[in-house]
Amino acid sequence: ANGARVGLVVLPETPEFQKWYPAELERTSRAHLKRISDELAVPVIGARDWMDERLLADGFHLSRAGAAEFT
């Protein structure tokens, strides 16, 4: 109502963390996000590879420096 734009963000993960997902789960997750995106008419912003892994504290959570850079 106030003009805010909405999107779905797939947050950063290290390459090692990403390898833990079986291929079928990857396909299912991507298909699910596409359905939600299409249904709600919002973009999916794929940020999984946006950050250097040194900025991720544990493979998934951004460090303080990573969070500052990401935002």
PDB file of N, CA and C in Angstrom:
ATOM      1  N   ALA A   1       0.817  -1.192   0.000  1.00  0.00           N
ATOM      2  CA  ALA A   1       0.000   0.000   0.000  1.00  0.00           C
ATOM      3  C   ALA A   1       0.864   1.260   0.000  1.00  0.00           C
ATOM      4  N   ASN A   2       2.078   1.159   0.566  1.00  0.00           N
ATOM      5  CA  ASN A   2       2.959   2.321   0.650  1.00  0.00           C
ATOM      6  C   ASN A   2       4.083   2.289  -0.381  1.00  0.00           C
ATOM      7  N   GLY A   3       4.013   1.355  -1.310  1.00  0.00           N
ATOM      8  CA  GLY A   3       5.008   1.318  -2.380  1.00  0.00           C
ATOM      9  C   GLY A   3       6.285   0.566  -2.048  1.00  0.00           C
ATOM     10  N   ALA A   4       6.332  -0.149  -0.929  1.00  0.00           N
ATOM     11  CA  ALA A   4       7.535  -0.919  -0.597  1.00  0.00           C
ATOM     12  C   ALA A   4       7.675  -2.082  -1.563  1.00  0.00           C
ATOM     13  N   ARG A   5       8.891  -2.347  -2.003  1.00  0.00           N
ATOM     14  CA  ARG A   5       9.148  -3.475  -2.896  1.00  0.00           C
ATOM     15  C   ARG A   5       9.631  -4.654  -2.065  1.00  0.00           C
ATOM     16  N   VAL A   6       9.211  -5.830  -2.444  1.00  0.00           N
ATOM     17  CA  VAL A   6       9.512  -7.047  -1.697  1.00  0.00           C
ATOM     18  C   VAL A   6      10.246  -8.035  -2.594  1.00  0.00           C
ATOM     19  N   GLY A   7      11.147  -8.800  -2.019  1.00  0.00           N
ATOM     20  CA  GLY A   7      11.838  -9.860  -2.739  1.00  0.00           C
ATOM     21  C   GLY A   7      12.221 -10.962  -1.778  1.00  0.00           C
ATOM     22  N   LEU A   8      12.507 -12.120  -2.317  1.00  0.00           N
ATOM     23  CA  LEU A   8      12.988 -13.259  -1.538  1.00  0.00           C
ATOM     24  C   LEU A   8      14.495 -13.346  -1.730  1.00  0.00           C
ATOM     25  N   VAL A   9      15.243 -13.375  -0.636  1.00  0.00           N
ATOM     26  CA  VAL A   9      16.701 -13.397  -0.716  1.00  0.00           C
ATOM     27  C   VAL A   9      17.221 -14.756  -0.259  1.00  0.00           C
ATOM     28  N   VAL A  10      17.990 -15.408  -1.117  1.00  0.00           N
ATOM     29  CA  VAL A  10      18.695 -16.627  -0.745  1.00  0.00           C
ATOM     30  C   VAL A  10      20.054 -16.171  -0.225  1.00  0.00           C
ATOM     31  N   LEU A  11      20.271 -16.310   1.053  1.00  0.00           N
ATOM     32  CA  LEU A  11      21.429 -15.723   1.722  1.00  0.00           C
ATOM     33  C   LEU A  11      22.744 -16.438   1.397  1.00  0.00           C
ATOM     34  N   PRO A  12      23.862 -15.738   1.617  1.00  0.00           N
ATOM     35  CA  PRO A  12      25.175 -16.306   1.299  1.00  0.00           C
ATOM     36  C   PRO A  12      25.495 -17.575   2.088  1.00  0.00           C
ATOM     37  N   GLU A  13      26.218 -18.461   1.419  1.00  0.00           N
ATOM     38  CA  GLU A  13      26.740 -19.684   2.018  1.00  0.00           C
ATOM     39  C   GLU A  13      28.100 -19.971   1.383  1.00  0.00           C
ATOM     40  N   THR A  14      28.964 -20.626   2.132  1.00  0.00           N
ATOM     41  CA  THR A  14      30.249 -21.015   1.561  1.00  0.00           C
ATOM     42  C   THR A  14      30.049 -22.143   0.553  1.00  0.00           C
ATOM     43  N   PRO A  15      30.989 -22.304  -0.376  1.00  0.00           N
ATOM     44  CA  PRO A  15      30.898 -23.428  -1.321  1.00  0.00           C
ATOM     45  C   PRO A  15      30.814 -24.780  -0.590  1.00  0.00           C
ATOM     46  N   GLU A  16      31.559 -24.929   0.498  1.00  0.00           N
ATOM     47  CA  GLU A  16      31.520 -26.184   1.258  1.00  0.00           C
ATOM     48  C   GLU A  16      30.122 -26.436   1.818  1.00  0.00           C
ATOM     49  N   PHE A  17      29.532 -25.416   2.387  1.00  0.00           N
ATOM     50  CA  PHE A  17      28.175 -25.541   2.943  1.00  0.00           C
ATOM     51  C   PHE A  17      27.195 -25.922   1.830  1.00  0.00           C
ATOM     52  N   GLN A  18      27.333 -25.307   0.660  1.00  0.00           N
ATOM     53  CA  GLN A  18      26.433 -25.590  -0.459  1.00  0.00           C
ATOM     54  C   GLN A  18      26.542 -27.040  -0.923  1.00  0.00           C
ATOM     55  N   LYS A  19      27.738 -27.651  -0.793  1.00  0.00           N
ATOM     56  CA  LYS A  19      27.935 -29.042  -1.209  1.00  0.00           C
ATOM     57  C   LYS A  19      27.149 -30.029  -0.342  1.00  0.00           C
ATOM     58  N   TRP A  20      26.740 -29.610   0.831  1.00  0.00           N
ATOM     59  CA  TRP A  20      26.023 -30.512   1.744  1.00  0.00           C
ATOM     60  C   TRP A  20      24.614 -30.830   1.254  1.00  0.00           C
ATOM     61  N   TYR A  21      24.071 -30.002   0.359  1.00  0.00           N
ATOM     62  CA  TYR A  21      22.710 -30.231  -0.128  1.00  0.00           C
ATOM     63  C   TYR A  21      22.710 -31.272  -1.238  1.00  0.00           C
ATOM     64  N   PRO A  22      21.909 -32.327  -1.121  1.00  0.00           N
ATOM     65  CA  PRO A  22      21.784 -33.279  -2.235  1.00  0.00           C
ATOM     66  C   PRO A  22      21.191 -32.572  -3.460  1.00  0.00           C
ATOM     67  N   ALA A  23      21.541 -33.063  -4.648  1.00  0.00           N
ATOM     68  CA  ALA A  23      21.082 -32.443  -5.897  1.00  0.00           C
ATOM     69  C   ALA A  23      19.558 -32.351  -5.952  1.00  0.00           C
ATOM     70  N   GLU A  24      18.868 -33.374  -5.486  1.00  0.00           N
ATOM     71  CA  GLU A  24      17.398 -33.362  -5.517  1.00  0.00           C
ATOM     72  C   GLU A  24      16.842 -32.245  -4.631  1.00  0.00           C
ATOM     73  N   LEU A  25      17.453 -32.012  -3.489  1.00  0.00           N
ATOM     74  CA  LEU A  25      17.005 -30.926  -2.610  1.00  0.00           C
ATOM     75  C   LEU A  25      17.229 -29.572  -3.273  1.00  0.00           C
ATOM     76  N   GLU A  26      18.355 -29.423  -3.960  1.00  0.00           N
ATOM     77  CA  GLU A  26      18.614 -28.176  -4.696  1.00  0.00           C
ATOM     78  C   GLU A  26      17.517 -27.928  -5.721  1.00  0.00           C
ATOM     79  N   ARG A  27      17.201 -28.946  -6.519  1.00  0.00           N
ATOM     80  CA  ARG A  27      16.158 -28.791  -7.543  1.00  0.00           C
ATOM     81  C   ARG A  27      14.814 -28.473  -6.910  1.00  0.00           C
ATOM     82  N   THR A  28      14.462 -29.183  -5.872  1.00  0.00           N
ATOM     83  CA  THR A  28      13.181 -28.969  -5.198  1.00  0.00           C
ATOM     84  C   THR A  28      13.101 -27.569  -4.599  1.00  0.00           C
ATOM     85  N   SER A  29      14.177 -27.136  -3.966  1.00  0.00           N
ATOM     86  CA  SER A  29      14.202 -25.798  -3.354  1.00  0.00           C
ATOM     87  C   SER A  29      14.061 -24.701  -4.401  1.00  0.00           C
ATOM     88  N   ARG A  30      14.789 -24.842  -5.499  1.00  0.00           N
ATOM     89  CA  ARG A  30      14.707 -23.836  -6.576  1.00  0.00           C
ATOM     90  C   ARG A  30      13.305 -23.791  -7.179  1.00  0.00           C
ATOM     91  N   ALA A  31      12.713 -24.951  -7.388  1.00  0.00           N
ATOM     92  CA  ALA A  31      11.351 -25.005  -7.943  1.00  0.00           C
ATOM     93  C   ALA A  31      10.347 -24.371  -6.974  1.00  0.00           C
ATOM     94  N   HIS A  32      10.518 -24.639  -5.688  1.00  0.00           N
ATOM     95  CA  HIS A  32       9.620 -24.070  -4.681  1.00  0.00           C
ATOM     96  C   HIS A  32       9.741 -22.540  -4.655  1.00  0.00           C
ATOM     97  N   LEU A  33      10.969 -22.040  -4.656  1.00  0.00           N
ATOM     98  CA  LEU A  33      11.165 -20.584  -4.670  1.00  0.00           C
ATOM     99  C   LEU A  33      10.581 -19.963  -5.934  1.00  0.00           C
ATOM    100  N   LYS A  34      10.727 -20.639  -7.064  1.00  0.00           N
ATOM    101  CA  LYS A  34      10.152 -20.110  -8.309  1.00  0.00           C
ATOM    102  C   LYS A  34       8.635 -20.037  -8.217  1.00  0.00           C
ATOM    103  N   ARG A  35       8.009 -21.079  -7.667  1.00  0.00           N
ATOM    104  CA  ARG A  35       6.544 -21.055  -7.518  1.00  0.00           C
ATOM    105  C   ARG A  35       6.110 -19.897  -6.622  1.00  0.00           C
ATOM    106  N   ILE A  36       6.787 -19.712  -5.509  1.00  0.00           N
ATOM    107  CA  ILE A  36       6.439 -18.610  -4.599  1.00  0.00           C
ATOM    108  C   ILE A  36       6.654 -17.273  -5.306  1.00  0.00           C
ATOM    109  N   SER A  37       7.782 -17.148  -5.985  1.00  0.00           N
ATOM    110  CA  SER A  37       8.094 -15.918  -6.708  1.00  0.00           C
ATOM    111  C   SER A  37       7.027 -15.600  -7.748  1.00  0.00           C
ATOM    112  N   ASP A  38       6.645 -16.614  -8.516  1.00  0.00           N
ATOM    113  CA  ASP A  38       5.626 -16.419  -9.546  1.00  0.00           C
ATOM    114  C   ASP A  38       4.272 -16.082  -8.920  1.00  0.00           C
ATOM    115  N   GLU A  39       3.912 -16.821  -7.875  1.00  0.00           N
ATOM    116  CA  GLU A  39       2.612 -16.623  -7.230  1.00  0.00           C
ATOM    117  C   GLU A  39       2.476 -15.231  -6.615  1.00  0.00           C
ATOM    118  N   LEU A  40       3.556 -14.746  -6.009  1.00  0.00           N
ATOM    119  CA  LEU A  40       3.507 -13.456  -5.333  1.00  0.00           C
ATOM    120  C   LEU A  40       4.021 -12.305  -6.193  1.00  0.00           C
ATOM    121  N   ALA A  41       4.525 -12.639  -7.375  1.00  0.00           N
ATOM    122  CA  ALA A  41       5.095 -11.633  -8.291  1.00  0.00           C
ATOM    123  C   ALA A  41       6.208 -10.834  -7.621  1.00  0.00           C
ATOM    124  N   VAL A  42       7.132 -11.572  -6.990  1.00  0.00           N
ATOM    125  CA  VAL A  42       8.303 -10.952  -6.364  1.00  0.00           C
ATOM    126  C   VAL A  42       9.556 -11.652  -6.888  1.00  0.00           C
ATOM    127  N   PRO A  43      10.670 -10.935  -6.979  1.00  0.00           N
ATOM    128  CA  PRO A  43      11.890 -11.565  -7.468  1.00  0.00           C
ATOM    129  C   PRO A  43      12.558 -12.437  -6.407  1.00  0.00           C
ATOM    130  N   VAL A  44      13.317 -13.424  -6.867  1.00  0.00           N
ATOM    131  CA  VAL A  44      14.210 -14.188  -6.008  1.00  0.00           C
ATOM    132  C   VAL A  44      15.608 -13.624  -6.248  1.00  0.00           C
ATOM    133  N   ILE A  45      16.248 -13.188  -5.188  1.00  0.00           N
ATOM    134  CA  ILE A  45      17.586 -12.605  -5.271  1.00  0.00           C
ATOM    135  C   ILE A  45      18.560 -13.669  -4.770  1.00  0.00           C
ATOM    136  N   GLY A  46      19.308 -14.253  -5.683  1.00  0.00           N
ATOM    137  CA  GLY A  46      20.223 -15.342  -5.339  1.00  0.00           C
ATOM    138  C   GLY A  46      21.565 -14.808  -4.894  1.00  0.00           C
ATOM    139  N   ALA A  47      21.743 -14.671  -3.586  1.00  0.00           N
ATOM    140  CA  ALA A  47      22.974 -14.099  -3.033  1.00  0.00           C
ATOM    141  C   ALA A  47      23.902 -15.161  -2.442  1.00  0.00           C
ATOM    142  N   ARG A  48      23.684 -16.418  -2.779  1.00  0.00           N
ATOM    143  CA  ARG A  48      24.472 -17.500  -2.170  1.00  0.00           C
ATOM    144  C   ARG A  48      25.972 -17.332  -2.391  1.00  0.00           C
ATOM    145  N   ASP A  49      26.368 -16.794  -3.531  1.00  0.00           N
ATOM    146  CA  ASP A  49      27.783 -16.690  -3.873  1.00  0.00           C
ATOM    147  C   ASP A  49      28.319 -15.264  -3.805  1.00  0.00           C
ATOM    148  N   TRP A  50      27.604 -14.391  -3.162  1.00  0.00           N
ATOM    149  CA  TRP A  50      27.990 -12.978  -3.156  1.00  0.00           C
ATOM    150  C   TRP A  50      29.158 -12.658  -2.233  1.00  0.00           C
ATOM    151  N   MET A  51      29.379 -13.464  -1.191  1.00  0.00           N
ATOM    152  CA  MET A  51      30.368 -13.094  -0.185  1.00  0.00           C
ATOM    153  C   MET A  51      31.551 -14.057  -0.186  1.00  0.00           C
ATOM    154  N   ASP A  52      32.725 -13.511   0.029  1.00  0.00           N
ATOM    155  CA  ASP A  52      33.907 -14.344   0.199  1.00  0.00           C
ATOM    156  C   ASP A  52      33.712 -15.207   1.445  1.00  0.00           C
ATOM    157  N   GLU A  53      34.102 -16.461   1.364  1.00  0.00           N
ATOM    158  CA  GLU A  53      33.837 -17.370   2.488  1.00  0.00           C
ATOM    159  C   GLU A  53      34.514 -16.933   3.778  1.00  0.00           C
ATOM    160  N   ARG A  54      35.549 -16.108   3.695  1.00  0.00           N
ATOM    161  CA  ARG A  54      36.195 -15.604   4.916  1.00  0.00           C
ATOM    162  C   ARG A  54      35.278 -14.661   5.691  1.00  0.00           C
ATOM    163  N   LEU A  55      34.208 -14.171   5.039  1.00  0.00           N
ATOM    164  CA  LEU A  55      33.264 -13.274   5.704  1.00  0.00           C
ATOM    165  C   LEU A  55      32.064 -14.012   6.294  1.00  0.00           C
ATOM    166  N   LEU A  56      32.089 -15.338   6.202  1.00  0.00           N
ATOM    167  CA  LEU A  56      31.043 -16.165   6.788  1.00  0.00           C
ATOM    168  C   LEU A  56      31.636 -16.889   7.994  1.00  0.00           C
ATOM    169  N   ALA A  57      31.067 -16.646   9.162  1.00  0.00           N
ATOM    170  CA  ALA A  57      31.634 -17.157  10.410  1.00  0.00           C
ATOM    171  C   ALA A  57      31.628 -18.678  10.481  1.00  0.00           C
ATOM    172  N   ASP A  58      30.593 -19.315   9.964  1.00  0.00           N
ATOM    173  CA  ASP A  58      30.454 -20.759  10.115  1.00  0.00           C
ATOM    174  C   ASP A  58      29.939 -21.440   8.849  1.00  0.00           C
ATOM    175  N   GLY A  59      30.105 -20.798   7.740  1.00  0.00           N
ATOM    176  CA  GLY A  59      29.620 -21.358   6.486  1.00  0.00           C
ATOM    177  C   GLY A  59      28.282 -20.793   6.046  1.00  0.00           C
ATOM    178  N   PHE A  60      27.539 -20.236   6.993  1.00  0.00           N
ATOM    179  CA  PHE A  60      26.206 -19.711   6.695  1.00  0.00           C
ATOM    180  C   PHE A  60      25.963 -18.336   7.308  1.00  0.00           C
ATOM    181  N   HIS A  61      26.410 -18.122   8.520  1.00  0.00           N
ATOM    182  CA  HIS A  61      26.179 -16.837   9.195  1.00  0.00           C
ATOM    183  C   HIS A  61      27.306 -15.865   8.884  1.00  0.00           C
ATOM    184  N   LEU A  62      26.929 -14.659   8.508  1.00  0.00           N
ATOM    185  CA  LEU A  62      27.919 -13.632   8.216  1.00  0.00           C
ATOM    186  C   LEU A  62      28.618 -13.173   9.490  1.00  0.00           C
ATOM    187  N   SER A  63      29.908 -12.904   9.380  1.00  0.00           N
ATOM    188  CA  SER A  63      30.635 -12.276  10.481  1.00  0.00           C
ATOM    189  C   SER A  63      30.187 -10.813  10.552  1.00  0.00           C
ATOM    190  N   ARG A  64      30.642 -10.101  11.559  1.00  0.00           N
ATOM    191  CA  ARG A  64      30.289  -8.669  11.631  1.00  0.00           C
ATOM    192  C   ARG A  64      30.767  -7.932  10.386  1.00  0.00           C
ATOM    193  N   ALA A  65      31.992  -8.211   9.978  1.00  0.00           N
ATOM    194  CA  ALA A  65      32.528  -7.562   8.770  1.00  0.00           C
ATOM    195  C   ALA A  65      31.728  -7.986   7.536  1.00  0.00           C
ATOM    196  N   GLY A  66      31.363  -9.264   7.471  1.00  0.00           N
ATOM    197  CA  GLY A  66      30.561  -9.752   6.347  1.00  0.00           C
ATOM    198  C   GLY A  66      29.192  -9.115   6.300  1.00  0.00           C
ATOM    199  N   ALA A  67      28.559  -8.983   7.464  1.00  0.00           N
ATOM    200  CA  ALA A  67      27.233  -8.362   7.530  1.00  0.00           C
ATOM    201  C   ALA A  67      27.316  -6.912   7.082  1.00  0.00           C
ATOM    202  N   ALA A  68      28.346  -6.212   7.521  1.00  0.00           N
ATOM    203  CA  ALA A  68      28.516  -4.808   7.130  1.00  0.00           C
ATOM    204  C   ALA A  68      28.689  -4.698   5.617  1.00  0.00           C
ATOM    205  N   GLU A  69      29.495  -5.581   5.051  1.00  0.00           N
ATOM    206  CA  GLU A  69      29.715  -5.538   3.604  1.00  0.00           C
ATOM    207  C   GLU A  69      28.468  -5.952   2.830  1.00  0.00           C
ATOM    208  N   PHE A  70      27.758  -6.966   3.327  1.00  0.00           N
ATOM    209  CA  PHE A  70      26.558  -7.458   2.647  1.00  0.00           C
ATOM    210  C   PHE A  70      25.478  -6.392   2.584  1.00  0.00           C
ATOM    211  N   THR A  71      25.269  -5.694   3.698  1.00  0.00           N
ATOM    212  CA  THR A  71      24.213  -4.692   3.738  1.00  0.00           C
ATOM    213  C   THR A  71      24.647  -3.426   3.072  1.00  0.00           C
TER     214      THR A  71
END
